[in-house]
């Protein structure tokens, strides 16, 4: 808990609520469609 801000006085239940909100945002970010634009890329191989 200390690494996540427990030293600042945030309770475990508050931390859990914050993390749930972040989980929803992360799921939305990872599930977004990327077909609205082209993404050029370059592959390099060096030996």
PDB file of N, CA and C in Angstrom:
ATOM      1  N   UNK A   1       0.814  -1.198   0.000  1.00  0.00           N
ATOM      2  CA  UNK A   1       0.000   0.000   0.000  1.00  0.00           C
ATOM      3  C   UNK A   1       0.859   1.263   0.000  1.00  0.00           C
ATOM      4  N   UNK A   2       1.995   1.220   0.666  1.00  0.00           N
ATOM      5  CA  UNK A   2       2.830   2.415   0.732  1.00  0.00           C
ATOM      6  C   UNK A   2       3.285   2.855  -0.655  1.00  0.00           C
ATOM      7  N   UNK A   3       3.629   1.878  -1.509  1.00  0.00           N
ATOM      8  CA  UNK A   3       4.091   2.213  -2.854  1.00  0.00           C
ATOM      9  C   UNK A   3       2.978   2.842  -3.684  1.00  0.00           C
ATOM     10  N   UNK A   4       1.732   2.548  -3.344  1.00  0.00           N
ATOM     11  CA  UNK A   4       0.598   3.080  -4.095  1.00  0.00           C
ATOM     12  C   UNK A   4       0.008   4.331  -3.466  1.00  0.00           C
ATOM     13  N   UNK A   5       0.635   4.849  -2.438  1.00  0.00           N
ATOM     14  CA  UNK A   5       0.163   6.085  -1.830  1.00  0.00           C
ATOM     15  C   UNK A   5      -0.428   5.907  -0.453  1.00  0.00           C
ATOM     16  N   UNK A   6      -0.231   4.756   0.171  1.00  0.00           N
ATOM     17  CA  UNK A   6      -0.769   4.513   1.502  1.00  0.00           C
ATOM     18  C   UNK A   6      -0.212   5.458   2.543  1.00  0.00           C
ATOM     19  N   UNK A   7       1.005   5.920   2.346  1.00  0.00           N
ATOM     20  CA  UNK A   7       1.623   6.841   3.296  1.00  0.00           C
ATOM     21  C   UNK A   7       0.937   8.216   3.275  1.00  0.00           C
ATOM     22  N   UNK A   8       0.210   8.498   2.201  1.00  0.00           N
ATOM     23  CA  UNK A   8      -0.451   9.801   2.101  1.00  0.00           C
ATOM     24  C   UNK A   8      -1.811   9.814   2.786  1.00  0.00           C
ATOM     25  N   UNK A   9      -2.204   8.688   3.377  1.00  0.00           N
ATOM     26  CA  UNK A   9      -3.461   8.644   4.111  1.00  0.00           C
ATOM     27  C   UNK A   9      -4.626   8.099   3.316  1.00  0.00           C
ATOM     28  N   UNK A  10      -4.399   7.589   2.130  1.00  0.00           N
ATOM     29  CA  UNK A  10      -5.479   7.013   1.326  1.00  0.00           C
ATOM     30  C   UNK A  10      -5.823   5.638   1.886  1.00  0.00           C
ATOM     31  N   UNK A  11      -7.100   5.400   2.114  1.00  0.00           N
ATOM     32  CA  UNK A  11      -7.526   4.118   2.673  1.00  0.00           C
ATOM     33  C   UNK A  11      -7.472   3.029   1.609  1.00  0.00           C
ATOM     34  N   UNK A  12      -7.491   1.776   2.064  1.00  0.00           N
ATOM     35  CA  UNK A  12      -7.456   0.641   1.139  1.00  0.00           C
ATOM     36  C   UNK A  12      -8.684   0.640   0.242  1.00  0.00           C
ATOM     37  N   UNK A  13      -9.837   0.979   0.781  1.00  0.00           N
ATOM     38  CA  UNK A  13     -11.059   0.983  -0.034  1.00  0.00           C
ATOM     39  C   UNK A  13     -11.021   2.088  -1.083  1.00  0.00           C
ATOM     40  N   UNK A  14     -10.472   3.242  -0.722  1.00  0.00           N
ATOM     41  CA  UNK A  14     -10.343   4.341  -1.688  1.00  0.00           C
ATOM     42  C   UNK A  14      -9.371   3.959  -2.795  1.00  0.00           C
ATOM     43  N   UNK A  15      -8.255   3.327  -2.424  1.00  0.00           N
ATOM     44  CA  UNK A  15      -7.277   2.875  -3.408  1.00  0.00           C
ATOM     45  C   UNK A  15      -7.907   1.852  -4.358  1.00  0.00           C
ATOM     46  N   UNK A  16      -8.717   0.953  -3.812  1.00  0.00           N
ATOM     47  CA  UNK A  16      -9.398  -0.051  -4.631  1.00  0.00           C
ATOM     48  C   UNK A  16     -10.351   0.613  -5.621  1.00  0.00           C
ATOM     49  N   UNK A  17     -11.086   1.628  -5.160  1.00  0.00           N
ATOM     50  CA  UNK A  17     -12.029   2.343  -6.035  1.00  0.00           C
ATOM     51  C   UNK A  17     -11.285   3.051  -7.156  1.00  0.00           C
ATOM     52  N   UNK A  18     -10.165   3.676  -6.826  1.00  0.00           N
ATOM     53  CA  UNK A  18      -9.356   4.378  -7.833  1.00  0.00           C
ATOM     54  C   UNK A  18      -8.842   3.380  -8.864  1.00  0.00           C
ATOM     55  N   UNK A  19      -8.348   2.233  -8.402  1.00  0.00           N
ATOM     56  CA  UNK A  19      -7.804   1.224  -9.317  1.00  0.00           C
ATOM     57  C   UNK A  19      -8.888   0.645 -10.224  1.00  0.00           C
ATOM     58  N   UNK A  20     -10.106   0.487  -9.710  1.00  0.00           N
ATOM     59  CA  UNK A  20     -11.205   0.004 -10.550  1.00  0.00           C
ATOM     60  C   UNK A  20     -11.488   0.976 -11.682  1.00  0.00           C
ATOM     61  N   UNK A  21     -11.475   2.253 -11.377  1.00  0.00           N
ATOM     62  CA  UNK A  21     -11.678   3.272 -12.411  1.00  0.00           C
ATOM     63  C   UNK A  21     -10.564   3.247 -13.441  1.00  0.00           C
ATOM     64  N   UNK A  22      -9.345   3.045 -12.989  1.00  0.00           N
ATOM     65  CA  UNK A  22      -8.222   2.957 -13.921  1.00  0.00           C
ATOM     66  C   UNK A  22      -8.323   1.711 -14.785  1.00  0.00           C
ATOM     67  N   UNK A  23      -8.758   0.597 -14.200  1.00  0.00           N
ATOM     68  CA  UNK A  23      -8.919  -0.634 -14.969  1.00  0.00           C
ATOM     69  C   UNK A  23      -9.890  -0.435 -16.126  1.00  0.00           C
ATOM     70  N   UNK A  24     -10.993   0.273 -15.880  1.00  0.00           N
ATOM     71  CA  UNK A  24     -11.974   0.536 -16.931  1.00  0.00           C
ATOM     72  C   UNK A  24     -11.365   1.396 -18.033  1.00  0.00           C
ATOM     73  N   UNK A  25     -10.602   2.404 -17.649  1.00  0.00           N
ATOM     74  CA  UNK A  25      -9.962   3.277 -18.641  1.00  0.00           C
ATOM     75  C   UNK A  25      -8.918   2.514 -19.449  1.00  0.00           C
ATOM     76  N   UNK A  26      -8.184   1.650 -18.813  1.00  0.00           N
ATOM     77  CA  UNK A  26      -7.161   0.863 -19.507  1.00  0.00           C
ATOM     78  C   UNK A  26      -7.812  -0.106 -20.481  1.00  0.00           C
ATOM     79  N   UNK A  27      -8.905  -0.762 -20.068  1.00  0.00           N
ATOM     80  CA  UNK A  27      -9.625  -1.670 -20.976  1.00  0.00           C
ATOM     81  C   UNK A  27     -10.119  -0.920 -22.206  1.00  0.00           C
ATOM     82  N   UNK A  28     -10.661   0.270 -22.006  1.00  0.00           N
ATOM     83  CA  UNK A  28     -11.154   1.073 -23.130  1.00  0.00           C
ATOM     84  C   UNK A  28     -10.005   1.456 -24.053  1.00  0.00           C
ATOM     85  N   UNK A  29      -8.861   1.818 -23.478  1.00  0.00           N
ATOM     86  CA  UNK A  29      -7.697   2.199 -24.279  1.00  0.00           C
ATOM     87  C   UNK A  29      -7.184   1.016 -25.080  1.00  0.00           C
ATOM     88  N   UNK A  30      -7.070  -0.143 -24.449  1.00  0.00           N
ATOM     89  CA  UNK A  30      -6.540  -1.315 -25.140  1.00  0.00           C
ATOM     90  C   UNK A  30      -7.509  -1.872 -26.181  1.00  0.00           C
ATOM     91  N   UNK A  31      -8.803  -1.615 -26.013  1.00  0.00           N
ATOM     92  CA  UNK A  31      -9.801  -2.140 -26.936  1.00  0.00           C
ATOM     93  C   UNK A  31     -10.205  -1.169 -28.028  1.00  0.00           C
ATOM     94  N   UNK A  32      -9.551  -0.001 -28.092  1.00  0.00           N
ATOM     95  CA  UNK A  32      -9.939   1.010 -29.086  1.00  0.00           C
ATOM     96  C   UNK A  32      -9.587   0.530 -30.496  1.00  0.00           C
ATOM     97  N   UNK A  33     -10.359   1.009 -31.452  1.00  0.00           N
ATOM     98  CA  UNK A  33     -10.109   0.678 -32.851  1.00  0.00           C
ATOM     99  C   UNK A  33      -9.024   1.585 -33.407  1.00  0.00           C
ATOM    100  N   UNK A  34      -8.186   1.025 -34.233  1.00  0.00           N
ATOM    101  CA  UNK A  34      -7.098   1.796 -34.832  1.00  0.00           C
ATOM    102  C   UNK A  34      -7.246   1.880 -36.346  1.00  0.00           C
ATOM    103  N   UNK A  35      -8.446   1.619 -36.850  1.00  0.00           N
ATOM    104  CA  UNK A  35      -8.653   1.620 -38.287  1.00  0.00           C
ATOM    105  C   UNK A  35      -8.989   2.996 -38.853  1.00  0.00           C
ATOM    106  N   UNK A  36      -8.960   4.028 -38.027  1.00  0.00           N
ATOM    107  CA  UNK A  36      -9.282   5.379 -38.481  1.00  0.00           C
ATOM    108  C   UNK A  36      -8.100   6.063 -39.165  1.00  0.00           C
ATOM    109  N   UNK A  37      -6.914   5.482 -39.051  1.00  0.00           N
ATOM    110  CA  UNK A  37      -5.728   6.097 -39.637  1.00  0.00           C
ATOM    111  C   UNK A  37      -4.747   5.021 -40.067  1.00  0.00           C
ATOM    112  N   UNK A  38      -3.874   5.398 -40.965  1.00  0.00           N
ATOM    113  CA  UNK A  38      -2.814   4.473 -41.384  1.00  0.00           C
ATOM    114  C   UNK A  38      -1.599   4.723 -40.513  1.00  0.00           C
ATOM    115  N   UNK A  39      -0.925   3.667 -40.156  1.00  0.00           N
ATOM    116  CA  UNK A  39       0.260   3.757 -39.320  1.00  0.00           C
ATOM    117  C   UNK A  39       1.440   3.169 -40.082  1.00  0.00           C
ATOM    118  N   UNK A  40       2.241   4.017 -40.711  1.00  0.00           N
ATOM    119  CA  UNK A  40       3.395   3.498 -41.446  1.00  0.00           C
ATOM    120  C   UNK A  40       4.446   2.959 -40.473  1.00  0.00           C
ATOM    121  N   UNK A  41       5.189   1.993 -40.945  1.00  0.00           N
ATOM    122  CA  UNK A  41       6.246   1.438 -40.111  1.00  0.00           C
ATOM    123  C   UNK A  41       7.426   1.061 -40.986  1.00  0.00           C
ATOM    124  N   UNK A  42       8.539   0.903 -40.365  1.00  0.00           N
ATOM    125  CA  UNK A  42       9.773   0.575 -41.048  1.00  0.00           C
ATOM    126  C   UNK A  42      10.442  -0.552 -40.289  1.00  0.00           C
ATOM    127  N   UNK A  43      10.763  -1.625 -40.997  1.00  0.00           N
ATOM    128  CA  UNK A  43      11.461  -2.752 -40.369  1.00  0.00           C
ATOM    129  C   UNK A  43      12.920  -2.717 -40.809  1.00  0.00           C
ATOM    130  N   UNK A  44      13.793  -2.780 -39.844  1.00  0.00           N
ATOM    131  CA  UNK A  44      15.225  -2.803 -40.123  1.00  0.00           C
ATOM    132  C   UNK A  44      15.816  -4.081 -39.550  1.00  0.00           C
ATOM    133  N   UNK A  45      16.753  -4.629 -40.277  1.00  0.00           N
ATOM    134  CA  UNK A  45      17.446  -5.813 -39.808  1.00  0.00           C
ATOM    135  C   UNK A  45      18.938  -5.565 -39.947  1.00  0.00           C
ATOM    136  N   UNK A  46      19.637  -5.589 -38.856  1.00  0.00           N
ATOM    137  CA  UNK A  46      21.077  -5.360 -38.890  1.00  0.00           C
ATOM    138  C   UNK A  46      21.782  -6.523 -38.218  1.00  0.00           C
ATOM    139  N   UNK A  47      22.783  -7.015 -38.907  1.00  0.00           N
ATOM    140  CA  UNK A  47      23.560  -8.108 -38.308  1.00  0.00           C
ATOM    141  C   UNK A  47      25.027  -7.752 -38.301  1.00  0.00           C
TER     142      UNK A  47
END
